[in-house]
Amino acid sequence: GIASAPLGTHPAVAELLLHRYDEAAHTYARPATPHLHLATA
């Protein structure tokens, strides 16, 4: 997982990666309205 990855030792990087995955999850979960999530990012 991200926590075990080398970059995961850096809080800022890990947080960014987690945000990217969360963003992707929202995009795939609601593909009809990706702009709504992007607008709040």
PDB file of N, CA and C in Angstrom:
ATOM      1  N   GLY A   1       0.824  -1.213   0.000  1.00  0.00           N
ATOM      2  CA  GLY A   1       0.000   0.000   0.000  1.00  0.00           C
ATOM      3  C   GLY A   1       0.853   1.256   0.000  1.00  0.00           C
ATOM      4  N   ILE A   2       0.214   2.403   0.043  1.00  0.00           N
ATOM      5  CA  ILE A   2       0.932   3.677   0.028  1.00  0.00           C
ATOM      6  C   ILE A   2       1.828   3.820   1.258  1.00  0.00           C
ATOM      7  N   ALA A   3       1.325   3.376   2.411  1.00  0.00           N
ATOM      8  CA  ALA A   3       2.068   3.528   3.657  1.00  0.00           C
ATOM      9  C   ALA A   3       3.402   2.787   3.616  1.00  0.00           C
ATOM     10  N   SER A   4       3.467   1.705   2.848  1.00  0.00           N
ATOM     11  CA  SER A   4       4.686   0.903   2.783  1.00  0.00           C
ATOM     12  C   SER A   4       5.626   1.373   1.685  1.00  0.00           C
ATOM     13  N   ALA A   5       5.146   2.297   0.853  1.00  0.00           N
ATOM     14  CA  ALA A   5       5.966   2.816  -0.237  1.00  0.00           C
ATOM     15  C   ALA A   5       6.994   3.805   0.303  1.00  0.00           C
ATOM     16  N   PRO A   6       8.184   3.878  -0.318  1.00  0.00           N
ATOM     17  CA  PRO A   6       9.252   4.782   0.109  1.00  0.00           C
ATOM     18  C   PRO A   6       8.771   6.220   0.304  1.00  0.00           C
ATOM     19  N   LEU A   7       8.017   6.722  -0.683  1.00  0.00           N
ATOM     20  CA  LEU A   7       7.521   8.091  -0.606  1.00  0.00           C
ATOM     21  C   LEU A   7       6.483   8.248   0.498  1.00  0.00           C
ATOM     22  N   GLY A   8       5.935   7.125   0.931  1.00  0.00           N
ATOM     23  CA  GLY A   8       4.924   7.163   1.977  1.00  0.00           C
ATOM     24  C   GLY A   8       5.476   7.656   3.306  1.00  0.00           C
ATOM     25  N   THR A   9       6.816   7.697   3.400  1.00  0.00           N
ATOM     26  CA  THR A   9       7.438   8.154   4.636  1.00  0.00           C
ATOM     27  C   THR A   9       7.339   9.668   4.760  1.00  0.00           C
ATOM     28  N   HIS A  10       7.024  10.314   3.650  1.00  0.00           N
ATOM     29  CA  HIS A  10       6.861  11.767   3.659  1.00  0.00           C
ATOM     30  C   HIS A  10       5.372  12.091   3.735  1.00  0.00           C
ATOM     31  N   PRO A  11       4.896  12.617   4.874  1.00  0.00           N
ATOM     32  CA  PRO A  11       3.477  12.929   5.086  1.00  0.00           C
ATOM     33  C   PRO A  11       2.847  13.697   3.929  1.00  0.00           C
ATOM     34  N   ALA A  12       3.532  14.712   3.448  1.00  0.00           N
ATOM     35  CA  ALA A  12       2.985  15.536   2.373  1.00  0.00           C
ATOM     36  C   ALA A  12       2.754  14.718   1.103  1.00  0.00           C
ATOM     37  N   VAL A  13       3.730  13.875   0.774  1.00  0.00           N
ATOM     38  CA  VAL A  13       3.627  13.050  -0.427  1.00  0.00           C
ATOM     39  C   VAL A  13       2.538  11.998  -0.258  1.00  0.00           C
ATOM     40  N   ALA A  14       2.523  11.362   0.897  1.00  0.00           N
ATOM     41  CA  ALA A  14       1.518  10.340   1.170  1.00  0.00           C
ATOM     42  C   ALA A  14       0.116  10.938   1.106  1.00  0.00           C
ATOM     43  N   GLU A  15      -0.010  12.146   1.652  1.00  0.00           N
ATOM     44  CA  GLU A  15      -1.313  12.819   1.658  1.00  0.00           C
ATOM     45  C   GLU A  15      -1.750  13.144   0.241  1.00  0.00           C
ATOM     46  N   LEU A  16      -0.782  13.553  -0.586  1.00  0.00           N
ATOM     47  CA  LEU A  16      -1.083  13.879  -1.975  1.00  0.00           C
ATOM     48  C   LEU A  16      -1.535  12.627  -2.722  1.00  0.00           C
ATOM     49  N   LEU A  17      -0.818  11.524  -2.505  1.00  0.00           N
ATOM     50  CA  LEU A  17      -1.167  10.269  -3.168  1.00  0.00           C
ATOM     51  C   LEU A  17      -2.555   9.802  -2.731  1.00  0.00           C
ATOM     52  N   LEU A  18      -2.820   9.920  -1.440  1.00  0.00           N
ATOM     53  CA  LEU A  18      -4.125   9.513  -0.930  1.00  0.00           C
ATOM     54  C   LEU A  18      -5.228  10.356  -1.553  1.00  0.00           C
ATOM     55  N   HIS A  19      -4.934  11.646  -1.728  1.00  0.00           N
ATOM     56  CA  HIS A  19      -5.918  12.545  -2.342  1.00  0.00           C
ATOM     57  C   HIS A  19      -6.167  12.141  -3.786  1.00  0.00           C
ATOM     58  N   ARG A  20      -5.089  11.763  -4.484  1.00  0.00           N
ATOM     59  CA  ARG A  20      -5.204  11.355  -5.885  1.00  0.00           C
ATOM     60  C   ARG A  20      -6.089  10.120  -6.004  1.00  0.00           C
ATOM     61  N   TYR A  21      -5.864   9.143  -5.100  1.00  0.00           N
ATOM     62  CA  TYR A  21      -6.657   7.919  -5.139  1.00  0.00           C
ATOM     63  C   TYR A  21      -8.111   8.202  -4.775  1.00  0.00           C
ATOM     64  N   ASP A  22      -8.300   9.101  -3.797  1.00  0.00           N
ATOM     65  CA  ASP A  22      -9.656   9.456  -3.384  1.00  0.00           C
ATOM     66  C   ASP A  22     -10.374  10.171  -4.520  1.00  0.00           C
ATOM     67  N   GLU A  23      -9.633  11.032  -5.205  1.00  0.00           N
ATOM     68  CA  GLU A  23     -10.196  11.777  -6.331  1.00  0.00           C
ATOM     69  C   GLU A  23     -10.604  10.810  -7.442  1.00  0.00           C
ATOM     70  N   ALA A  24      -9.736   9.827  -7.710  1.00  0.00           N
ATOM     71  CA  ALA A  24     -10.017   8.838  -8.746  1.00  0.00           C
ATOM     72  C   ALA A  24     -11.238   8.003  -8.356  1.00  0.00           C
ATOM     73  N   ALA A  25     -11.324   7.669  -7.076  1.00  0.00           N
ATOM     74  CA  ALA A  25     -12.445   6.870  -6.592  1.00  0.00           C
ATOM     75  C   ALA A  25     -13.761   7.608  -6.808  1.00  0.00           C
ATOM     76  N   HIS A  26     -13.747   8.911  -6.519  1.00  0.00           N
ATOM     77  CA  HIS A  26     -14.956   9.707  -6.706  1.00  0.00           C
ATOM     78  C   HIS A  26     -15.304   9.821  -8.190  1.00  0.00           C
ATOM     79  N   THR A  27     -14.277   9.958  -9.014  1.00  0.00           N
ATOM     80  CA  THR A  27     -14.494  10.097 -10.447  1.00  0.00           C
ATOM     81  C   THR A  27     -15.128   8.831 -11.022  1.00  0.00           C
ATOM     82  N   TYR A  28     -14.603   7.660 -10.590  1.00  0.00           N
ATOM     83  CA  TYR A  28     -15.136   6.401 -11.100  1.00  0.00           C
ATOM     84  C   TYR A  28     -16.503   6.102 -10.493  1.00  0.00           C
ATOM     85  N   ALA A  29     -16.707   6.572  -9.273  1.00  0.00           N
ATOM     86  CA  ALA A  29     -17.979   6.316  -8.598  1.00  0.00           C
ATOM     87  C   ALA A  29     -19.090   7.160  -9.212  1.00  0.00           C
ATOM     88  N   ARG A  30     -18.720   8.385  -9.630  1.00  0.00           N
ATOM     89  CA  ARG A  30     -19.716   9.283 -10.218  1.00  0.00           C
ATOM     90  C   ARG A  30     -19.181   9.886 -11.519  1.00  0.00           C
ATOM     91  N   PRO A  31     -19.014   9.058 -12.562  1.00  0.00           N
ATOM     92  CA  PRO A  31     -18.453   9.495 -13.840  1.00  0.00           C
ATOM     93  C   PRO A  31     -19.321  10.526 -14.556  1.00  0.00           C
ATOM     94  N   ALA A  32     -20.590  10.578 -14.186  1.00  0.00           N
ATOM     95  CA  ALA A  32     -21.504  11.500 -14.852  1.00  0.00           C
ATOM     96  C   ALA A  32     -21.291  12.944 -14.384  1.00  0.00           C
ATOM     97  N   THR A  33     -20.683  13.103 -13.198  1.00  0.00           N
ATOM     98  CA  THR A  33     -20.492  14.454 -12.668  1.00  0.00           C
ATOM     99  C   THR A  33     -19.084  14.661 -12.108  1.00  0.00           C
ATOM    100  N   PRO A  34     -18.054  14.412 -12.910  1.00  0.00           N
ATOM    101  CA  PRO A  34     -16.674  14.574 -12.428  1.00  0.00           C
ATOM    102  C   PRO A  34     -16.327  16.029 -12.150  1.00  0.00           C
ATOM    103  N   HIS A  35     -17.001  16.929 -12.864  1.00  0.00           N
ATOM    104  CA  HIS A  35     -16.714  18.351 -12.711  1.00  0.00           C
ATOM    105  C   HIS A  35     -17.086  18.858 -11.313  1.00  0.00           C
ATOM    106  N   LEU A  36     -18.078  18.219 -10.691  1.00  0.00           N
ATOM    107  CA  LEU A  36     -18.480  18.629  -9.351  1.00  0.00           C
ATOM    108  C   LEU A  36     -17.363  18.375  -8.348  1.00  0.00           C
ATOM    109  N   HIS A  37     -16.701  17.215  -8.488  1.00  0.00           N
ATOM    110  CA  HIS A  37     -15.615  16.869  -7.566  1.00  0.00           C
ATOM    111  C   HIS A  37     -14.397  17.741  -7.841  1.00  0.00           C
ATOM    112  N   LEU A  38     -14.123  17.974  -9.129  1.00  0.00           N
ATOM    113  CA  LEU A  38     -12.971  18.786  -9.506  1.00  0.00           C
ATOM    114  C   LEU A  38     -13.137  20.217  -9.013  1.00  0.00           C
ATOM    115  N   ALA A  39     -14.375  20.687  -9.010  1.00  0.00           N
ATOM    116  CA  ALA A  39     -14.642  22.060  -8.587  1.00  0.00           C
ATOM    117  C   ALA A  39     -14.376  22.249  -7.098  1.00  0.00           C
ATOM    118  N   THR A  40     -14.512  21.167  -6.338  1.00  0.00           N
ATOM    119  CA  THR A  40     -14.310  21.256  -4.896  1.00  0.00           C
ATOM    120  C   THR A  40     -12.903  20.836  -4.501  1.00  0.00           C
ATOM    121  N   ALA A  41     -12.107  20.400  -5.447  1.00  0.00           N
ATOM    122  CA  ALA A  41     -10.748  19.932  -5.166  1.00  0.00           C
ATOM    123  C   ALA A  41      -9.845  21.102  -4.793  1.00  0.00           C
TER     124      ALA A  41
END
